[in-house]
Amino acid sequence: MAGEDRALVLAPGEGRAIDLGPFGMTVKASWDETDGVFSLLEAEEPPGFGPPLHIHHDAAEAFYVLEGEYVMFLDDREVSCPAGSFVFIPAGMRHGFRVGAAPSRKLNLYFPAVMVGYFDDLSAAIRRGEADESVLDDIARRHSMEIVGPVPESYV
């Protein structure tokens, strides 16, 4: 872990913003700040938003819901997660989510500190207007992520 001389403190609203079109993320901690132990991103997402089902082959992922509600898809389970919910997803597990009826905000943690580069690459592709399926699949592969299907329609 980073030594005392490298302690990291961010005030509310601080961090590096990543523009992802319909939603945004803020990098709170990355590989450099945590010596690779974990990365922490804050996401603000619109109602109904959700990525395709996917697998992280190189990292575990955790979510902490700050505001709103997320419906999590964990292998064959569907779980409603209102504000205050915590979800841990081991590396190799198929998962995805859909934002509930209101804009929602969550923390994403990755162990070890990966995925910041994925979101940076995704942001660059969106800015260039190149966010088609083949480009998105290539970005995912480069970051040890596998897209395995669409987010299921929720009945919750």
Protein backbone atom coordinates (compact mmCIF):
# COMPACT_ATOMS: atom_id res chain seq x y z
CA MET A 1 0.00 0.00 0.00
CA ALA A 2 1.12 3.55 -0.53
CA GLY A 3 3.20 4.83 2.38
CA GLU A 4 2.12 7.57 4.74
CA ASP A 5 3.91 10.16 2.61
CA ARG A 6 1.61 9.20 -0.29
CA ALA A 7 -1.71 9.25 1.55
CA LEU A 8 -4.60 10.27 -0.71
CA VAL A 9 -7.41 12.57 0.40
CA LEU A 10 -10.07 13.84 -1.99
CA ALA A 11 -12.72 16.36 -0.98
CA PRO A 12 -16.32 15.87 -2.13
CA GLY A 13 -16.56 16.30 -5.89
CA GLU A 14 -12.83 15.83 -6.47
CA GLY A 15 -11.26 13.24 -8.76
CA ARG A 16 -10.59 12.85 -12.48
CA ALA A 17 -13.77 12.93 -14.56
CA ILE A 18 -14.32 10.48 -17.43
CA ASP A 19 -17.05 11.47 -19.92
CA LEU A 20 -18.88 8.42 -21.20
CA GLY A 21 -21.69 10.08 -23.13
CA PRO A 22 -24.92 9.13 -21.35
CA PHE A 23 -23.16 8.83 -18.00
CA GLY A 24 -20.02 9.92 -16.26
CA MET A 25 -17.47 8.46 -13.91
CA THR A 26 -14.98 10.04 -11.55
CA VAL A 27 -11.71 8.27 -10.75
CA LYS A 28 -11.18 8.49 -7.00
CA ALA A 29 -8.21 6.09 -6.80
CA SER A 30 -6.25 4.15 -9.40
CA TRP A 31 -3.24 1.85 -9.68
CA ASP A 32 -0.78 4.65 -8.97
CA GLU A 33 -2.47 5.83 -5.77
CA THR A 34 -3.03 2.34 -4.30
CA ASP A 35 0.08 0.50 -5.53
CA GLY A 36 -2.24 -1.68 -7.58
CA VAL A 37 -4.35 -2.93 -4.66
CA PHE A 38 -7.67 -1.49 -5.89
CA SER A 39 -9.26 1.19 -8.04
CA LEU A 40 -12.27 3.25 -7.01
CA LEU A 41 -14.63 5.04 -9.38
CA GLU A 42 -17.85 6.93 -8.73
CA ALA A 43 -20.56 6.58 -11.38
CA GLU A 44 -23.66 8.69 -12.01
CA GLU A 45 -26.07 6.97 -14.40
CA PRO A 46 -29.48 7.75 -15.93
CA PRO A 47 -32.66 5.69 -15.40
CA GLY A 48 -32.74 2.44 -17.38
CA PHE A 49 -29.02 2.52 -18.22
CA GLY A 50 -27.10 -0.74 -18.05
CA PRO A 51 -24.05 -2.33 -19.67
CA PRO A 52 -24.22 -5.70 -21.41
CA LEU A 53 -23.68 -8.81 -19.31
CA HIS A 54 -19.96 -9.28 -18.93
CA ILE A 55 -17.18 -11.08 -17.09
CA HIS A 56 -14.02 -9.58 -15.61
CA HIS A 57 -11.36 -12.27 -15.95
CA ASP A 58 -8.65 -10.38 -14.07
CA ALA A 59 -10.46 -8.70 -11.17
CA ALA A 60 -13.18 -8.86 -8.59
CA GLU A 61 -15.65 -5.97 -8.59
CA ALA A 62 -17.72 -4.40 -5.83
CA PHE A 63 -20.53 -1.84 -5.88
CA TYR A 64 -21.81 0.40 -3.12
CA VAL A 65 -25.06 2.18 -4.02
CA LEU A 66 -25.02 5.82 -2.88
CA GLU A 67 -28.31 7.07 -4.39
CA GLY A 68 -31.19 5.59 -6.34
CA GLU A 69 -31.48 1.90 -7.16
CA TYR A 70 -29.74 -0.69 -9.29
CA VAL A 71 -31.02 -4.08 -10.40
CA MET A 72 -28.02 -6.41 -10.38
CA PHE A 73 -27.80 -9.49 -12.58
CA LEU A 74 -25.42 -12.02 -10.99
CA ASP A 75 -25.20 -15.22 -13.04
CA ASP A 76 -28.86 -16.30 -12.96
CA ARG A 77 -29.93 -14.12 -10.01
CA GLU A 78 -31.63 -10.74 -10.18
CA VAL A 79 -31.32 -8.56 -7.07
CA SER A 80 -32.79 -5.12 -6.39
CA CYS A 81 -30.19 -2.90 -4.67
CA PRO A 82 -31.42 0.41 -3.22
CA ALA A 83 -29.17 3.07 -1.69
CA GLY A 84 -26.98 1.57 1.02
CA SER A 85 -26.64 -1.80 -0.74
CA PHE A 86 -23.25 -3.48 -1.19
CA VAL A 87 -22.50 -6.08 -3.87
CA PHE A 88 -19.30 -8.12 -4.27
CA ILE A 89 -18.69 -9.94 -7.57
CA PRO A 90 -15.79 -12.41 -7.73
CA ALA A 91 -13.55 -12.46 -10.80
CA GLY A 92 -15.01 -14.72 -13.48
CA MET A 93 -18.70 -14.21 -12.57
CA ARG A 94 -21.16 -13.15 -15.30
CA HIS A 95 -22.89 -9.94 -14.24
CA GLY A 96 -24.51 -6.70 -15.29
CA PHE A 97 -26.94 -4.14 -13.96
CA ARG A 98 -29.75 -1.82 -14.89
CA VAL A 99 -30.39 1.55 -13.22
CA GLY A 100 -33.83 1.87 -11.63
CA ALA A 101 -36.47 4.53 -12.29
CA ALA A 102 -34.41 7.49 -11.02
CA PRO A 103 -30.88 8.70 -11.77
CA SER A 104 -28.55 6.70 -9.55
CA ARG A 105 -25.04 6.92 -8.17
CA LYS A 106 -22.67 4.21 -7.01
CA LEU A 107 -19.07 3.46 -6.16
CA ASN A 108 -17.26 0.82 -8.25
CA LEU A 109 -14.25 -0.92 -6.72
CA TYR A 110 -11.95 -3.27 -8.62
CA PHE A 111 -9.45 -5.63 -6.96
CA PRO A 112 -6.68 -5.40 -8.17
CA ALA A 113 -6.63 -1.84 -9.52
CA VAL A 114 -7.90 -2.31 -13.07
CA MET A 115 -10.66 -0.93 -15.32
CA VAL A 116 -9.69 2.76 -15.24
CA GLY A 117 -7.93 2.20 -18.58
CA TYR A 118 -11.06 0.51 -19.94
CA PHE A 119 -13.20 3.55 -19.15
CA ASP A 120 -10.53 5.90 -20.57
CA ASP A 121 -10.44 3.88 -23.82
CA LEU A 122 -14.24 3.78 -23.96
CA SER A 123 -14.41 7.57 -23.47
CA ALA A 124 -11.89 8.11 -26.28
CA ALA A 125 -13.91 5.87 -28.65
CA ILE A 126 -17.10 7.77 -27.81
CA ARG A 127 -15.38 11.14 -28.46
CA ARG A 128 -14.14 9.87 -31.86
CA GLY A 129 -17.61 8.57 -32.74
CA GLU A 130 -16.24 5.00 -32.95
CA ALA A 131 -18.28 3.28 -30.26
CA ASP A 132 -19.68 0.50 -32.46
CA GLU A 133 -19.97 -3.10 -31.28
CA SER A 134 -16.67 -4.33 -32.74
CA VAL A 135 -14.70 -1.44 -31.19
CA LEU A 136 -16.41 -1.98 -27.83
CA ASP A 137 -15.63 -5.72 -27.95
CA ASP A 138 -11.98 -4.95 -28.74
CA ILE A 139 -11.71 -2.47 -25.86
CA ALA A 140 -13.25 -5.05 -23.50
CA ARG A 141 -10.84 -7.79 -24.64
CA ARG A 142 -7.82 -5.52 -24.15
CA HIS A 143 -8.91 -5.07 -20.53
CA SER A 144 -9.57 -8.78 -19.76
CA MET A 145 -13.32 -8.32 -19.98
CA GLU A 146 -15.67 -10.53 -21.98
CA ILE A 147 -19.07 -9.35 -23.22
CA VAL A 148 -21.46 -12.31 -22.91
CA GLY A 149 -24.88 -10.84 -23.74
CA PRO A 150 -27.37 -8.02 -23.25
CA VAL A 151 -28.67 -7.02 -19.84
CA PRO A 152 -31.83 -9.07 -19.25
CA GLU A 153 -35.14 -7.24 -19.16
CA SER A 154 -36.07 -6.77 -15.54
CA TYR A 155 -39.43 -7.61 -14.02
CA VAL A 156 -38.65 -5.81 -10.74
